[in-house]
PDB file of N, CA and C in Angstrom:
ATOM      1  N   MET A   1     -13.588 144.190 184.835  1.00  0.00           N
ATOM      2  CA  MET A   1     -14.060 144.398 183.715  1.00  0.00           C
ATOM      3  C   MET A   1     -13.702 145.235 182.842  1.00  0.00           C
ATOM      4  N   PHE A   2     -13.907 144.968 181.137  1.00  0.00           N
ATOM      5  CA  PHE A   2     -13.255 145.378 180.976  1.00  0.00           C
ATOM      6  C   PHE A   2     -14.940 145.565 179.615  1.00  0.00           C
ATOM      7  N   TYR A   3     -14.653 147.327 179.145  1.00  0.00           N
ATOM      8  CA  TYR A   3     -14.992 147.823 177.825  1.00  0.00           C
ATOM      9  C   TYR A   3     -14.179 149.070 176.930  1.00  0.00           C
ATOM     10  N   LYS A   4     -14.229 148.470 175.788  1.00  0.00           N
ATOM     11  CA  LYS A   4     -13.438 149.268 175.124  1.00  0.00           C
ATOM     12  C   LYS A   4     -12.064 149.971 175.567  1.00  0.00           C
ATOM     13  N   GLY A   5     -11.107 149.086 176.287  1.00  0.00           N
ATOM     14  CA  GLY A   5     -10.004 149.475 176.684  1.00  0.00           C
ATOM     15  C   GLY A   5     -10.306 149.769 178.157  1.00  0.00           C
ATOM     16  N   TYR A   6     -11.220 150.122 178.715  1.00  0.00           N
ATOM     17  CA  TYR A   6     -11.127 150.737 179.950  1.00  0.00           C
ATOM     18  C   TYR A   6     -11.362 149.008 180.737  1.00  0.00           C
ATOM     19  N   ILE A   7     -10.551 149.274 181.692  1.00  0.00           N
ATOM     20  CA  ILE A   7     -10.908 148.490 182.868  1.00  0.00           C
ATOM     21  C   ILE A   7     -10.839 148.894 184.320  1.00  0.00           C
ATOM     22  N   GLY A   8     -12.709 148.343 183.990  1.00  0.00           N
ATOM     23  CA  GLY A   8     -13.175 149.077 185.984  1.00  0.00           C
ATOM     24  C   GLY A   8     -12.897 147.320 186.678  1.00  0.00           C
ATOM     25  N   GLN A   9     -12.667 148.351 187.914  1.00  0.00           N
ATOM     26  CA  GLN A   9     -12.486 147.358 189.181  1.00  0.00           C
ATOM     27  C   GLN A   9     -13.271 147.897 189.843  1.00  0.00           C
ATOM     28  N   VAL A  10     -14.486 146.557 190.855  1.00  0.00           N
ATOM     29  CA  VAL A  10     -15.605 146.728 191.685  1.00  0.00           C
ATOM     30  C   VAL A  10     -15.096 146.337 193.027  1.00  0.00           C
ATOM     31  N   GLU A  11     -15.960 147.058 194.079  1.00  0.00           N
ATOM     32  CA  GLU A  11     -15.745 146.496 195.501  1.00  0.00           C
ATOM     33  C   GLU A  11     -16.929 146.650 196.007  1.00  0.00           C
ATOM     34  N   PHE A  12     -17.694 146.079 197.238  1.00  0.00           N
ATOM     35  CA  PHE A  12     -18.554 146.043 197.350  1.00  0.00           C
ATOM     36  C   PHE A  12     -18.620 146.517 199.044  1.00  0.00           C
ATOM     37  N   ASP A  13     -19.766 147.309 199.042  1.00  0.00           N
ATOM     38  CA  ASP A  13     -19.660 148.403 200.736  1.00  0.00           C
ATOM     39  C   ASP A  13     -20.881 147.554 201.205  1.00  0.00           C
ATOM     40  N   ASP A  14     -20.608 146.859 201.888  1.00  0.00           N
ATOM     41  CA  ASP A  14     -21.649 145.777 202.669  1.00  0.00           C
ATOM     42  C   ASP A  14     -22.753 147.181 203.804  1.00  0.00           C
ATOM     43  N   GLU A  15     -22.308 147.335 204.104  1.00  0.00           N
ATOM     44  CA  GLU A  15     -22.958 148.780 204.982  1.00  0.00           C
ATOM     45  C   GLU A  15     -23.718 149.322 204.021  1.00  0.00           C
ATOM     46  N   ALA A  16     -23.623 149.678 202.900  1.00  0.00           N
ATOM     47  CA  ALA A  16     -24.397 150.323 201.913  1.00  0.00           C
ATOM     48  C   ALA A  16     -24.701 149.817 201.167  1.00  0.00           C
ATOM     49  N   ASP A  17     -24.509 148.015 201.189  1.00  0.00           N
ATOM     50  CA  ASP A  17     -25.250 147.278 200.173  1.00  0.00           C
ATOM     51  C   ASP A  17     -25.425 147.671 198.729  1.00  0.00           C
ATOM     52  N   ILE A  18     -24.009 148.252 198.228  1.00  0.00           N
ATOM     53  CA  ILE A  18     -23.900 149.100 196.918  1.00  0.00           C
ATOM     54  C   ILE A  18     -22.291 148.395 196.177  1.00  0.00           C
ATOM     55  N   PHE A  19     -22.517 148.170 195.247  1.00  0.00           N
ATOM     56  CA  PHE A  19     -21.148 148.213 194.474  1.00  0.00           C
ATOM     57  C   PHE A  19     -20.346 148.667 194.042  1.00  0.00           C
ATOM     58  N   HIS A  20     -18.986 149.466 193.904  1.00  0.00           N
ATOM     59  CA  HIS A  20     -19.059 150.985 193.491  1.00  0.00           C
ATOM     60  C   HIS A  20     -17.500 150.228 192.860  1.00  0.00           C
ATOM     61  N   GLY A  21     -17.601 151.189 191.815  1.00  0.00           N
ATOM     62  CA  GLY A  21     -16.297 150.751 191.375  1.00  0.00           C
ATOM     63  C   GLY A  21     -15.874 152.158 190.110  1.00  0.00           C
ATOM     64  N   ASP A  22     -14.240 151.566 189.962  1.00  0.00           N
ATOM     65  CA  ASP A  22     -13.617 152.975 188.986  1.00  0.00           C
ATOM     66  C   ASP A  22     -12.512 152.294 188.044  1.00  0.00           C
ATOM     67  N   VAL A  23     -12.770 153.234 187.047  1.00  0.00           N
ATOM     68  CA  VAL A  23     -11.758 152.866 186.346  1.00  0.00           C
ATOM     69  C   VAL A  23     -10.533 153.083 185.952  1.00  0.00           C
ATOM     70  N   ILE A  24      -9.640 151.745 186.071  1.00  0.00           N
ATOM     71  CA  ILE A  24      -8.545 152.249 186.845  1.00  0.00           C
ATOM     72  C   ILE A  24      -7.278 151.665 185.753  1.00  0.00           C
ATOM     73  N   ASN A  25      -7.347 151.756 184.346  1.00  0.00           N
ATOM     74  CA  ASN A  25      -6.248 151.778 183.750  1.00  0.00           C
ATOM     75  C   ASN A  25      -6.121 153.198 182.861  1.00  0.00           C
ATOM     76  N   THR A  26      -6.282 154.330 183.693  1.00  0.00           N
ATOM     77  CA  THR A  26      -6.837 155.885 182.601  1.00  0.00           C
ATOM     78  C   THR A  26      -6.861 157.683 184.414  1.00  0.00           C
ATOM     79  N   ARG A  27      -5.797 157.638 184.251  1.00  0.00           N
ATOM     80  CA  ARG A  27      -5.739 159.237 185.013  1.00  0.00           C
ATOM     81  C   ARG A  27      -7.386 160.133 185.014  1.00  0.00           C
ATOM     82  N   ALA A  28      -7.750 159.630 184.071  1.00  0.00           N
ATOM     83  CA  ALA A  28      -9.228 159.818 183.952  1.00  0.00           C
ATOM     84  C   ALA A  28     -10.236 159.912 185.388  1.00  0.00           C
ATOM     85  N   VAL A  29     -11.093 160.557 186.178  1.00  0.00           N
ATOM     86  CA  VAL A  29     -12.085 159.918 186.862  1.00  0.00           C
ATOM     87  C   VAL A  29     -12.950 159.247 186.469  1.00  0.00           C
ATOM     88  N   ILE A  30     -13.802 158.032 186.338  1.00  0.00           N
ATOM     89  CA  ILE A  30     -14.770 157.271 185.836  1.00  0.00           C
ATOM     90  C   ILE A  30     -15.029 156.680 187.101  1.00  0.00           C
ATOM     91  N   THR A  31     -15.919 157.027 187.483  1.00  0.00           N
ATOM     92  CA  THR A  31     -16.595 155.495 188.490  1.00  0.00           C
ATOM     93  C   THR A  31     -17.580 155.727 188.511  1.00  0.00           C
ATOM     94  N   PHE A  32     -18.733 154.404 188.937  1.00  0.00           N
ATOM     95  CA  PHE A  32     -19.685 153.829 188.511  1.00  0.00           C
ATOM     96  C   PHE A  32     -20.713 153.359 189.380  1.00  0.00           C
ATOM     97  N   GLN A  33     -21.657 152.819 189.325  1.00  0.00           N
ATOM     98  CA  GLN A  33     -21.369 151.869 190.934  1.00  0.00           C
ATOM     99  C   GLN A  33     -23.422 151.455 190.378  1.00  0.00           C
ATOM    100  N   GLY A  34     -24.272 150.266 191.052  1.00  0.00           N
ATOM    101  CA  GLY A  34     -24.920 149.557 191.279  1.00  0.00           C
ATOM    102  C   GLY A  34     -25.618 148.473 192.225  1.00  0.00           C
ATOM    103  N   THR A  35     -26.023 147.675 192.057  1.00  0.00           N
ATOM    104  CA  THR A  35     -26.958 146.523 192.998  1.00  0.00           C
ATOM    105  C   THR A  35     -27.071 146.033 193.384  1.00  0.00           C
ATOM    106  N   THR A  36     -26.485 145.144 192.153  1.00  0.00           N
ATOM    107  CA  THR A  36     -26.708 143.986 191.303  1.00  0.00           C
ATOM    108  C   THR A  36     -25.662 143.799 190.694  1.00  0.00           C
ATOM    109  N   VAL A  37     -24.965 142.973 190.195  1.00  0.00           N
ATOM    110  CA  VAL A  37     -24.131 142.297 189.185  1.00  0.00           C
ATOM    111  C   VAL A  37     -23.886 143.296 187.791  1.00  0.00           C
ATOM    112  N   PRO A  38     -25.443 142.831 186.897  1.00  0.00           N
ATOM    113  CA  PRO A  38     -26.223 142.899 185.971  1.00  0.00           C
ATOM    114  C   PRO A  38     -25.528 145.124 186.083  1.00  0.00           C
ATOM    115  N   GLU A  39     -26.462 144.963 186.223  1.00  0.00           N
ATOM    116  CA  GLU A  39     -26.831 147.051 186.580  1.00  0.00           C
ATOM    117  C   GLU A  39     -24.825 147.493 187.327  1.00  0.00           C
ATOM    118  N   ILE A  40     -23.967 146.224 187.954  1.00  0.00           N
ATOM    119  CA  ILE A  40     -23.357 147.654 187.639  1.00  0.00           C
ATOM    120  C   ILE A  40     -21.658 147.414 186.851  1.00  0.00           C
ATOM    121  N   LYS A  41     -22.351 146.067 185.854  1.00  0.00           N
ATOM    122  CA  LYS A  41     -21.969 145.942 184.378  1.00  0.00           C
ATOM    123  C   LYS A  41     -22.386 147.388 183.811  1.00  0.00           C
ATOM    124  N   ALA A  42     -23.756 147.600 184.039  1.00  0.00           N
ATOM    125  CA  ALA A  42     -24.197 148.381 182.562  1.00  0.00           C
ATOM    126  C   ALA A  42     -23.821 149.531 182.966  1.00  0.00           C
ATOM    127  N   ALA A  43     -23.346 149.850 184.703  1.00  0.00           N
ATOM    128  CA  ALA A  43     -23.158 151.395 185.062  1.00  0.00           C
ATOM    129  C   ALA A  43     -21.833 151.661 184.629  1.00  0.00           C
ATOM    130  N   PHE A  44     -20.657 150.368 184.433  1.00  0.00           N
ATOM    131  CA  PHE A  44     -20.065 150.645 183.942  1.00  0.00           C
ATOM    132  C   PHE A  44     -19.362 150.578 182.445  1.00  0.00           C
ATOM    133  N   ARG A  45     -20.388 150.309 181.657  1.00  0.00           N
ATOM    134  CA  ARG A  45     -20.876 150.752 180.429  1.00  0.00           C
ATOM    135  C   ARG A  45     -21.326 151.952 179.661  1.00  0.00           C
ATOM    136  N   ASP A  46     -22.295 152.295 180.530  1.00  0.00           N
ATOM    137  CA  ASP A  46     -22.787 153.891 180.617  1.00  0.00           C
ATOM    138  C   ASP A  46     -21.458 154.987 181.465  1.00  0.00           C
ATOM    139  N   SER A  47     -20.706 154.850 182.242  1.00  0.00           N
ATOM    140  CA  SER A  47     -19.470 155.424 182.469  1.00  0.00           C
ATOM    141  C   SER A  47     -18.674 155.954 181.515  1.00  0.00           C
ATOM    142  N   VAL A  48     -18.471 154.542 181.283  1.00  0.00           N
ATOM    143  CA  VAL A  48     -17.541 154.788 179.798  1.00  0.00           C
ATOM    144  C   VAL A  48     -17.667 155.709 178.540  1.00  0.00           C
ATOM    145  N   GLU A  49     -18.918 155.653 178.614  1.00  0.00           N
ATOM    146  CA  GLU A  49     -19.656 155.380 177.138  1.00  0.00           C
ATOM    147  C   GLU A  49     -20.056 157.233 177.549  1.00  0.00           C
ATOM    148  N   ASP A  50     -20.303 157.925 178.794  1.00  0.00           N
ATOM    149  CA  ASP A  50     -20.367 158.855 179.158  1.00  0.00           C
ATOM    150  C   ASP A  50     -19.278 159.747 179.206  1.00  0.00           C
ATOM    151  N   TYR A  51     -18.191 159.281 179.744  1.00  0.00           N
ATOM    152  CA  TYR A  51     -17.159 160.254 179.558  1.00  0.00           C
ATOM    153  C   TYR A  51     -16.666 160.149 178.404  1.00  0.00           C
ATOM    154  N   LEU A  52     -16.023 159.460 177.030  1.00  0.00           N
ATOM    155  CA  LEU A  52     -16.642 159.079 175.703  1.00  0.00           C
ATOM    156  C   LEU A  52     -17.504 160.841 175.403  1.00  0.00           C
ATOM    157  N   ALA A  53     -18.579 160.393 175.540  1.00  0.00           N
ATOM    158  CA  ALA A  53     -19.672 161.642 174.872  1.00  0.00           C
ATOM    159  C   ALA A  53     -18.801 163.283 175.569  1.00  0.00           C
ATOM    160  N   PHE A  54     -18.857 163.241 176.665  1.00  0.00           N
ATOM    161  CA  PHE A  54     -17.888 164.417 177.022  1.00  0.00           C
ATOM    162  C   PHE A  54     -17.416 164.478 176.386  1.00  0.00           C
ATOM    163  N   CYS A  55     -15.984 164.321 176.349  1.00  0.00           N
ATOM    164  CA  CYS A  55     -14.889 164.516 175.422  1.00  0.00           C
ATOM    165  C   CYS A  55     -15.344 164.958 174.557  1.00  0.00           C
ATOM    166  N   ALA A  56     -15.898 164.107 173.717  1.00  0.00           N
ATOM    167  CA  ALA A  56     -16.865 164.174 172.312  1.00  0.00           C
ATOM    168  C   ALA A  56     -17.556 165.250 172.414  1.00  0.00           C
ATOM    169  N   GLU A  57     -17.684 166.474 173.457  1.00  0.00           N
ATOM    170  CA  GLU A  57     -18.896 167.038 173.499  1.00  0.00           C
ATOM    171  C   GLU A  57     -17.641 168.800 173.757  1.00  0.00           C
ATOM    172  N   LEU A  58     -16.999 168.317 174.665  1.00  0.00           N
ATOM    173  CA  LEU A  58     -15.418 169.170 174.769  1.00  0.00           C
ATOM    174  C   LEU A  58     -14.656 169.833 173.192  1.00  0.00           C
ATOM    175  N   GLY A  59     -15.052 168.635 172.861  1.00  0.00           N
ATOM    176  CA  GLY A  59     -14.012 169.040 171.313  1.00  0.00           C
ATOM    177  C   GLY A  59     -12.713 168.307 171.968  1.00  0.00           C
ATOM    178  N   GLU A  60     -11.987 166.955 173.375  1.00  0.00           N
ATOM    179  CA  GLU A  60     -11.133 166.926 173.778  1.00  0.00           C
ATOM    180  C   GLU A  60     -10.615 165.669 173.561  1.00  0.00           C
ATOM    181  N   GLU A  61     -10.027 164.965 173.148  1.00  0.00           N
ATOM    182  CA  GLU A  61      -9.823 163.904 172.893  1.00  0.00           C
ATOM    183  C   GLU A  61      -9.979 162.816 174.662  1.00  0.00           C
ATOM    184  N   PRO A  62     -10.437 161.694 173.998  1.00  0.00           N
ATOM    185  CA  PRO A  62     -10.662 161.323 175.806  1.00  0.00           C
ATOM    186  C   PRO A  62      -8.996 160.309 176.030  1.00  0.00           C
ATOM    187  N   GLU A  63      -8.502 160.162 177.438  1.00  0.00           N
ATOM    188  CA  GLU A  63      -7.374 159.620 177.419  1.00  0.00           C
ATOM    189  C   GLU A  63      -7.678 158.419 177.106  1.00  0.00           C
ATOM    190  N   LYS A  64      -6.557 157.664 177.145  1.00  0.00           N
ATOM    191  CA  LYS A  64      -6.087 156.458 176.349  1.00  0.00           C
ATOM    192  C   LYS A  64      -5.693 155.195 177.073  1.00  0.00           C
ATOM    193  N   PRO A  65      -6.874 154.456 177.470  1.00  0.00           N
ATOM    194  CA  PRO A  65      -6.199 153.993 178.729  1.00  0.00           C
ATOM    195  C   PRO A  65      -4.925 153.011 178.938  1.00  0.00           C
ATOM    196  N   PHE A  66      -4.510 153.621 179.821  1.00  0.00           N
ATOM    197  CA  PHE A  66      -2.742 152.141 179.882  1.00  0.00           C
ATOM    198  C   PHE A  66      -3.029 151.209 179.576  1.00  0.00           C
ATOM    199  N   SER A  67      -2.215 150.680 178.304  1.00  0.00           N
ATOM    200  CA  SER A  67      -2.321 149.869 177.852  1.00  0.00           C
ATOM    201  C   SER A  67      -1.874 148.315 178.517  1.00  0.00           C
ATOM    202  N   GLY A  68      -0.421 148.570 179.721  1.00  0.00           N
ATOM    203  CA  GLY A  68      -0.182 147.110 180.208  1.00  0.00           C
ATOM    204  C   GLY A  68       1.031 147.806 179.751  1.00  0.00           C
ATOM    205  N   GLU A  69       2.167 148.134 177.868  1.00  0.00           N
ATOM    206  CA  GLU A  69       2.647 148.191 177.662  1.00  0.00           C
ATOM    207  C   GLU A  69       3.931 149.265 177.847  1.00  0.00           C
ATOM    208  N   LEU A  70       5.017 148.575 177.794  1.00  0.00           N
ATOM    209  CA  LEU A  70       5.642 149.823 178.485  1.00  0.00           C
ATOM    210  C   LEU A  70       7.291 149.830 177.527  1.00  0.00           C
ATOM    211  N   ASN A  71       7.400 150.889 176.179  1.00  0.00           N
ATOM    212  CA  ASN A  71       8.397 150.448 176.296  1.00  0.00           C
ATOM    213  C   ASN A  71      10.146 151.288 176.906  1.00  0.00           C
ATOM    214  N   LEU A  72      10.791 150.728 177.176  1.00  0.00           N
ATOM    215  CA  LEU A  72      12.158 151.213 177.245  1.00  0.00           C
ATOM    216  C   LEU A  72      13.271 150.933 177.241  1.00  0.00           C
ATOM    217  N   LYS A  73      13.774 152.759 177.041  1.00  0.00           N
ATOM    218  CA  LYS A  73      15.382 152.403 176.104  1.00  0.00           C
ATOM    219  C   LYS A  73      16.490 152.467 177.805  1.00  0.00           C
ATOM    220  N   LEU A  74      17.669 152.003 177.369  1.00  0.00           N
ATOM    221  CA  LEU A  74      18.168 151.321 178.672  1.00  0.00           C
ATOM    222  C   LEU A  74      19.716 152.166 177.934  1.00  0.00           C
ATOM    223  N   PRO A  75      20.922 152.178 178.791  1.00  0.00           N
ATOM    224  CA  PRO A  75      22.207 151.734 178.528  1.00  0.00           C
ATOM    225  C   PRO A  75      22.589 150.235 177.914  1.00  0.00           C
ATOM    226  N   PRO A  76      23.324 150.027 177.026  1.00  0.00           N
ATOM    227  CA  PRO A  76      23.682 148.594 176.746  1.00  0.00           C
ATOM    228  C   PRO A  76      24.322 147.978 177.483  1.00  0.00           C
ATOM    229  N   GLN A  77      25.238 148.689 178.479  1.00  0.00           N
ATOM    230  CA  GLN A  77      25.402 147.862 180.169  1.00  0.00           C
ATOM    231  C   GLN A  77      23.981 147.318 180.400  1.00  0.00           C
ATOM    232  N   VAL A  78      23.525 148.492 181.165  1.00  0.00           N
ATOM    233  CA  VAL A  78      21.935 148.099 182.356  1.00  0.00           C
ATOM    234  C   VAL A  78      21.153 146.950 181.554  1.00  0.00           C
ATOM    235  N   HIS A  79      21.248 146.692 180.108  1.00  0.00           N
ATOM    236  CA  HIS A  79      20.608 146.304 179.354  1.00  0.00           C
ATOM    237  C   HIS A  79      21.157 144.607 180.105  1.00  0.00           C
ATOM    238  N   ARG A  80      22.407 144.518 179.262  1.00  0.00           N
ATOM    239  CA  ARG A  80      22.897 143.553 179.952  1.00  0.00           C
ATOM    240  C   ARG A  80      23.308 143.020 180.977  1.00  0.00           C
ATOM    241  N   ASP A  81      23.313 143.863 182.045  1.00  0.00           N
ATOM    242  CA  ASP A  81      23.464 144.054 183.443  1.00  0.00           C
ATOM    243  C   ASP A  81      21.960 142.404 184.217  1.00  0.00           C
ATOM    244  N   ILE A  82      20.633 143.443 183.466  1.00  0.00           N
ATOM    245  CA  ILE A  82      19.748 142.636 183.855  1.00  0.00           C
ATOM    246  C   ILE A  82      19.963 141.298 183.913  1.00  0.00           C
ATOM    247  N   ILE A  83      19.850 141.539 182.200  1.00  0.00           N
ATOM    248  CA  ILE A  83      19.841 139.733 181.579  1.00  0.00           C
ATOM    249  C   ILE A  83      19.982 138.746 182.462  1.00  0.00           C
ATOM    250  N   ARG A  84      21.641 139.092 182.318  1.00  0.00           N
ATOM    251  CA  ARG A  84      22.120 138.650 183.596  1.00  0.00           C
ATOM    252  C   ARG A  84      21.334 138.690 185.086  1.00  0.00           C
ATOM    253  N   THR A  85      20.856 139.402 185.964  1.00  0.00           N
ATOM    254  CA  THR A  85      20.821 139.331 186.681  1.00  0.00           C
ATOM    255  C   THR A  85      19.247 137.826 186.629  1.00  0.00           C
ATOM    256  N   ALA A  86      18.031 138.285 185.734  1.00  0.00           N
ATOM    257  CA  ALA A  86      17.550 138.212 185.313  1.00  0.00           C
ATOM    258  C   ALA A  86      17.921 136.839 185.460  1.00  0.00           C
ATOM    259  N   LYS A  87      18.777 136.042 184.655  1.00  0.00           N
ATOM    260  CA  LYS A  87      19.082 134.572 183.836  1.00  0.00           C
ATOM    261  C   LYS A  87      19.847 133.710 185.741  1.00  0.00           C
ATOM    262  N   LEU A  88      20.352 134.513 186.526  1.00  0.00           N
ATOM    263  CA  LEU A  88      20.988 134.241 187.876  1.00  0.00           C
ATOM    264  C   LEU A  88      19.687 133.518 188.827  1.00  0.00           C
ATOM    265  N   GLU A  89      18.393 134.290 188.359  1.00  0.00           N
ATOM    266  CA  GLU A  89      16.651 133.732 188.935  1.00  0.00           C
ATOM    267  C   GLU A  89      16.406 133.447 188.263  1.00  0.00           C
ATOM    268  N   ASN A  90      16.993 133.204 187.704  1.00  0.00           N
ATOM    269  CA  ASN A  90      16.282 131.894 186.985  1.00  0.00           C
ATOM    270  C   ASN A  90      14.644 132.581 186.687  1.00  0.00           C
ATOM    271  N   LYS A  91      14.877 133.617 186.060  1.00  0.00           N
ATOM    272  CA  LYS A  91      13.246 134.088 185.762  1.00  0.00           C
ATOM    273  C   LYS A  91      13.625 134.536 184.640  1.00  0.00           C
ATOM    274  N   PRO A  92      12.188 134.875 183.318  1.00  0.00           N
ATOM    275  CA  PRO A  92      11.870 135.551 182.906  1.00  0.00           C
ATOM    276  C   PRO A  92      12.350 136.972 182.593  1.00  0.00           C
ATOM    277  N   LEU A  93      13.256 137.484 181.045  1.00  0.00           N
ATOM    278  CA  LEU A  93      13.622 139.820 181.559  1.00  0.00           C
ATOM    279  C   LEU A  93      12.242 140.208 182.101  1.00  0.00           C
ATOM    280  N   ASP A  94      10.971 139.591 181.200  1.00  0.00           N
ATOM    281  CA  ASP A  94       9.943 140.953 181.604  1.00  0.00           C
ATOM    282  C   ASP A  94       9.199 140.580 182.901  1.00  0.00           C
ATOM    283  N   THR A  95       9.596 139.469 183.722  1.00  0.00           N
ATOM    284  CA  THR A  95       8.995 139.217 184.945  1.00  0.00           C
ATOM    285  C   THR A  95       9.854 139.759 186.170  1.00  0.00           C
ATOM    286  N   TRP A  96      10.961 139.610 185.290  1.00  0.00           N
ATOM    287  CA  TRP A  96      12.309 140.643 186.218  1.00  0.00           C
ATOM    288  C   TRP A  96      11.603 141.895 186.904  1.00  0.00           C
ATOM    289  N   ILE A  97      12.014 142.499 185.653  1.00  0.00           N
ATOM    290  CA  ILE A  97      11.709 143.980 185.245  1.00  0.00           C
ATOM    291  C   ILE A  97      10.414 144.302 186.185  1.00  0.00           C
ATOM    292  N   ARG A  98       8.950 143.161 185.619  1.00  0.00           N
ATOM    293  CA  ARG A  98       8.147 143.591 186.658  1.00  0.00           C
ATOM    294  C   ARG A  98       7.601 143.705 188.163  1.00  0.00           C
ATOM    295  N   GLU A  99       8.528 142.771 188.463  1.00  0.00           N
ATOM    296  CA  GLU A  99       8.761 142.131 189.563  1.00  0.00           C
ATOM    297  C   GLU A  99       9.273 143.634 190.911  1.00  0.00           C
ATOM    298  N   HIS A 100      10.606 144.172 189.958  1.00  0.00           N
ATOM    299  CA  HIS A 100      11.447 144.913 190.831  1.00  0.00           C
ATOM    300  C   HIS A 100      10.637 145.992 190.736  1.00  0.00           C
ATOM    301  N   LEU A 101      10.206 146.966 189.074  1.00  0.00           N
ATOM    302  CA  LEU A 101       9.913 147.645 188.969  1.00  0.00           C
ATOM    303  C   LEU A 101       8.119 147.844 190.350  1.00  0.00           C
ATOM    304  N   THR A 102       7.448 146.870 189.884  1.00  0.00           N
ATOM    305  CA  THR A 102       6.172 146.983 190.764  1.00  0.00           C
ATOM    306  C   THR A 102       6.744 147.209 192.776  1.00  0.00           C
ATOM    307  N   LYS A 103       7.978 146.624 193.439  1.00  0.00           N
ATOM    308  CA  LYS A 103       8.539 147.188 194.443  1.00  0.00           C
ATOM    309  C   LYS A 103       8.957 148.296 194.730  1.00  0.00           C
ATOM    310  N   ALA A 104       9.813 148.990 192.880  1.00  0.00           N
ATOM    311  CA  ALA A 104      10.530 149.698 193.636  1.00  0.00           C
ATOM    312  C   ALA A 104       9.173 151.123 193.505  1.00  0.00           C
ATOM    313  N   SER A 105       8.102 151.199 193.093  1.00  0.00           N
ATOM    314  CA  SER A 105       6.797 152.019 192.738  1.00  0.00           C
ATOM    315  C   SER A 105       6.359 151.430 193.948  1.00  0.00           C
ATOM    316  N   GLN A 106       5.988 150.687 194.548  1.00  0.00           N
ATOM    317  CA  GLN A 106       4.886 150.207 195.930  1.00  0.00           C
ATOM    318  C   GLN A 106       5.531 151.145 197.277  1.00  0.00           C
ATOM    319  N   LEU A 107       6.785 151.154 196.705  1.00  0.00           N
ATOM    320  CA  LEU A 107       7.623 151.822 198.262  1.00  0.00           C
ATOM    321  C   LEU A 107       7.899 153.057 197.998  1.00  0.00           C
ATOM    322  N   ILE A 108       7.940 153.806 197.133  1.00  0.00           N
ATOM    323  CA  ILE A 108       7.360 155.492 196.802  1.00  0.00           C
ATOM    324  C   ILE A 108       6.342 155.552 197.024  1.00  0.00           C
ATOM    325  N   LEU A 109       5.507 154.972 196.684  1.00  0.00           N
ATOM    326  CA  LEU A 109       3.794 155.411 196.613  1.00  0.00           C
ATOM    327  C   LEU A 109       3.557 155.110 198.661  1.00  0.00           C
ATOM    328  N   SER A 110       4.244 154.313 198.863  1.00  0.00           N
ATOM    329  CA  SER A 110       3.730 154.031 200.332  1.00  0.00           C
ATOM    330  C   SER A 110       4.765 155.168 201.306  1.00  0.00           C
ATOM    331  N   GLN A 111       5.449 155.283 200.707  1.00  0.00           N
ATOM    332  CA  GLN A 111       6.852 156.439 201.553  1.00  0.00           C
ATOM    333  C   GLN A 111       5.620 157.616 201.215  1.00  0.00           C
ATOM    334  N   ASN A 112       5.636 158.086 200.349  1.00  0.00           N
ATOM    335  CA  ASN A 112       4.436 159.110 199.754  1.00  0.00           C
ATOM    336  C   ASN A 112       3.224 159.301 200.440  1.00  0.00           C
ATOM    337  N   ALA A 113       2.377 158.313 200.750  1.00  0.00           N
ATOM    338  CA  ALA A 113       1.109 158.234 201.509  1.00  0.00           C
ATOM    339  C   ALA A 113       0.018 157.850 200.259  1.00  0.00           C
ATOM    340  N   ILE A 114       0.620 157.250 199.371  1.00  0.00           N
ATOM    341  CA  ILE A 114      -0.085 157.115 198.290  1.00  0.00           C
ATOM    342  C   ILE A 114      -0.901 155.612 197.793  1.00  0.00           C
ATOM    343  N   TRP A 115      -1.822 155.356 198.252  1.00  0.00           N
ATOM    344  CA  TRP A 115      -2.579 154.396 198.542  1.00  0.00           C
ATOM    345  C   TRP A 115      -2.456 153.352 196.924  1.00  0.00           C
ATOM    346  N   LEU A 116      -2.179 152.502 196.128  1.00  0.00           N
ATOM    347  CA  LEU A 116      -2.304 152.075 194.759  1.00  0.00           C
ATOM    348  C   LEU A 116      -3.384 150.529 194.740  1.00  0.00           C
ATOM    349  N   SER A 117      -4.224 150.902 194.499  1.00  0.00           N
ATOM    350  CA  SER A 117      -5.176 149.407 193.933  1.00  0.00           C
ATOM    351  C   SER A 117      -4.908 148.686 192.684  1.00  0.00           C
ATOM    352  N   HIS A 118      -4.851 147.491 193.225  1.00  0.00           N
ATOM    353  CA  HIS A 118      -3.943 146.558 192.036  1.00  0.00           C
ATOM    354  C   HIS A 118      -5.985 145.695 190.807  1.00  0.00           C
TER     355      HIS A 118
END
């Protein structure tokens, strides 16, 4: 689910018969729950609005959601090498970079016993 740039991920708890959700593209902890699809959608929007209102009340800037875009500066040699490598693997550069960064981050997170939902 998407609302004001925030992405909500929902799981269903079969034992409790309830939907639980989290905003996944920010470090701020924003959760929500509901028992029906319309209810979980409304709870997601309400939780985002509550978070924004809470930040305003504290006079703090709300954390901006991760955009999915990353600007990266590389030494020219590294830039050339990854372009060559991506071409050898017949992949677009962004795909090659995304795949390798994903593998590296998952390895490090798993070694540190951190679970990251996608």
